[in-house]
Amino acid sequence: RHVCGLSDLGRLKTNVMRDRVLEKNPFAEVEIFNTNINNAEDARKIFQGCDLIIAATDNIRSRLNINTLSIELGIPSLYGKCAVRAAGGEVLRVRPKVGPCFSCIYADASMEAAAEEM
């Protein structure tokens, strides 16, 4: 479930999540980037040097783009999503060159992404 509350209305999710992480662990190093993750060059610059990519995005196209860069750069990634009305959810861990990637698990995702509105 979202940890955002009414007091977070109007705030960017990246800022809210940074604040939540730091509330739990004030010694954590959290760096946020408010950018369009579908811009591959910008995303590549952001991801280089990361230890882990957390793909908590709202659409399939961005998950596929993150997956491509995760594999290319050899950075593990986590994908999370909730089912409609929070009836459930999924978490996927991708370890490049160790196991299957996002595209391997969700083979039809590119077809769904093509139909998504941007």
Protein backbone atom coordinates (compact mmCIF):
# COMPACT_ATOMS: atom_id res chain seq x y z
CA ARG A 1 0.00 0.00 0.00
CA HIS A 2 1.00 3.57 -0.53
CA VAL A 3 2.54 5.16 2.52
CA CYS A 4 1.40 8.56 1.30
CA GLY A 5 -1.31 10.35 3.24
CA LEU A 6 -3.53 13.40 2.81
CA SER A 7 -0.72 15.67 3.93
CA ASP A 8 1.26 14.48 0.90
CA LEU A 9 -1.31 15.64 -1.68
CA GLY A 10 0.36 17.81 -4.27
CA ARG A 11 3.88 16.53 -3.44
CA LEU A 12 5.99 14.51 -5.85
CA LYS A 13 6.10 10.81 -4.96
CA THR A 14 9.89 10.87 -5.11
CA ASN A 15 10.02 13.51 -2.37
CA VAL A 16 7.46 11.72 -0.22
CA MET A 17 9.28 8.40 -0.45
CA ARG A 18 12.64 10.02 0.32
CA ASP A 19 11.12 11.51 3.46
CA ARG A 20 9.59 8.16 4.48
CA VAL A 21 12.90 6.32 4.05
CA LEU A 22 14.74 8.95 6.08
CA GLU A 23 12.09 8.81 8.83
CA LYS A 24 12.82 5.09 9.19
CA ASN A 25 16.60 5.41 8.80
CA PRO A 26 18.06 8.91 9.11
CA PHE A 27 21.50 7.54 8.16
CA ALA A 28 20.34 6.26 4.76
CA GLU A 29 21.68 7.94 1.65
CA VAL A 30 18.74 8.75 -0.61
CA GLU A 31 19.22 10.59 -3.86
CA ILE A 32 16.15 11.44 -5.91
CA PHE A 33 15.78 12.55 -9.51
CA ASN A 34 12.55 14.14 -10.68
CA THR A 35 12.89 13.41 -14.38
CA ASN A 36 11.26 11.52 -17.23
CA ILE A 37 12.65 8.02 -16.81
CA ASN A 38 11.71 7.23 -20.40
CA ASN A 39 14.53 9.48 -21.62
CA ALA A 40 17.21 6.76 -21.94
CA GLU A 41 20.21 9.09 -21.88
CA ASP A 42 19.05 10.89 -18.73
CA ALA A 43 18.19 7.58 -17.06
CA ARG A 44 21.57 6.07 -17.98
CA LYS A 45 23.38 9.02 -16.36
CA ILE A 46 21.27 8.66 -13.22
CA PHE A 47 21.67 4.88 -12.93
CA GLN A 48 25.44 4.75 -13.46
CA GLY A 49 27.03 4.25 -10.07
CA CYS A 50 23.83 3.03 -8.40
CA ASP A 51 23.82 -0.10 -6.28
CA LEU A 52 20.12 -0.82 -6.81
CA ILE A 53 17.33 0.51 -9.02
CA ILE A 54 13.85 0.56 -7.48
CA ALA A 55 11.32 0.70 -10.30
CA ALA A 56 8.17 1.90 -8.56
CA THR A 57 6.72 3.39 -11.72
CA ASP A 58 3.13 3.63 -12.87
CA ASN A 59 3.45 2.21 -16.36
CA ILE A 60 4.89 -0.69 -18.29
CA ARG A 61 6.87 1.37 -20.78
CA SER A 62 9.01 2.86 -18.01
CA ARG A 63 9.52 -0.59 -16.43
CA LEU A 64 10.74 -1.93 -19.77
CA ASN A 65 13.13 1.01 -20.18
CA ILE A 66 14.45 0.54 -16.64
CA ASN A 67 14.87 -3.18 -17.32
CA THR A 68 16.91 -2.51 -20.46
CA LEU A 69 19.26 -0.17 -18.60
CA SER A 70 19.47 -2.45 -15.57
CA ILE A 71 20.68 -5.29 -17.80
CA GLU A 72 22.99 -3.03 -19.83
CA LEU A 73 24.62 -1.54 -16.72
CA GLY A 74 24.57 -4.76 -14.65
CA ILE A 75 22.62 -3.16 -11.78
CA PRO A 76 20.09 -5.23 -9.80
CA SER A 77 16.55 -3.85 -9.85
CA LEU A 78 13.31 -4.25 -7.93
CA TYR A 79 9.89 -3.86 -9.54
CA GLY A 80 6.77 -3.40 -7.46
CA LYS A 81 3.18 -2.96 -8.43
CA CYS A 82 -0.23 -3.13 -6.82
CA ALA A 83 -3.26 -4.79 -8.30
CA VAL A 84 -6.42 -2.79 -8.93
CA ARG A 85 -7.91 -1.47 -5.70
CA ALA A 86 -4.90 -2.89 -3.81
CA ALA A 87 -6.34 -6.40 -4.02
CA GLY A 88 -2.78 -7.71 -4.16
CA GLY A 89 0.51 -6.98 -5.72
CA GLU A 90 3.81 -8.27 -7.03
CA VAL A 91 7.48 -7.72 -6.38
CA LEU A 92 10.11 -8.85 -8.88
CA ARG A 93 13.85 -8.86 -8.26
CA VAL A 94 16.09 -8.80 -11.31
CA ARG A 95 19.76 -9.74 -11.00
CA PRO A 96 21.43 -9.18 -14.38
CA LYS A 97 23.20 -12.26 -15.75
CA VAL A 98 22.01 -14.34 -12.76
CA GLY A 99 18.31 -14.84 -13.46
CA PRO A 100 15.45 -13.76 -15.70
CA CYS A 101 14.77 -10.08 -16.35
CA PHE A 102 11.50 -8.13 -16.35
CA SER A 103 10.99 -8.72 -20.08
CA CYS A 104 11.65 -12.45 -19.63
CA ILE A 105 8.93 -12.75 -16.97
CA TYR A 106 6.44 -10.42 -18.64
CA ALA A 107 6.93 -11.38 -22.28
CA ASP A 108 3.73 -9.63 -23.40
CA ALA A 109 4.61 -6.37 -21.62
CA SER A 110 5.86 -4.64 -24.77
CA MET A 111 2.47 -5.18 -26.41
CA GLU A 112 0.73 -3.65 -23.38
CA ALA A 113 3.19 -0.75 -23.35
CA ALA A 114 2.38 0.06 -26.97
CA ALA A 115 -1.28 0.44 -26.00
CA GLU A 116 -0.60 2.63 -22.95
CA GLU A 117 -1.30 6.32 -23.00
CA MET A 118 1.64 8.55 -22.26
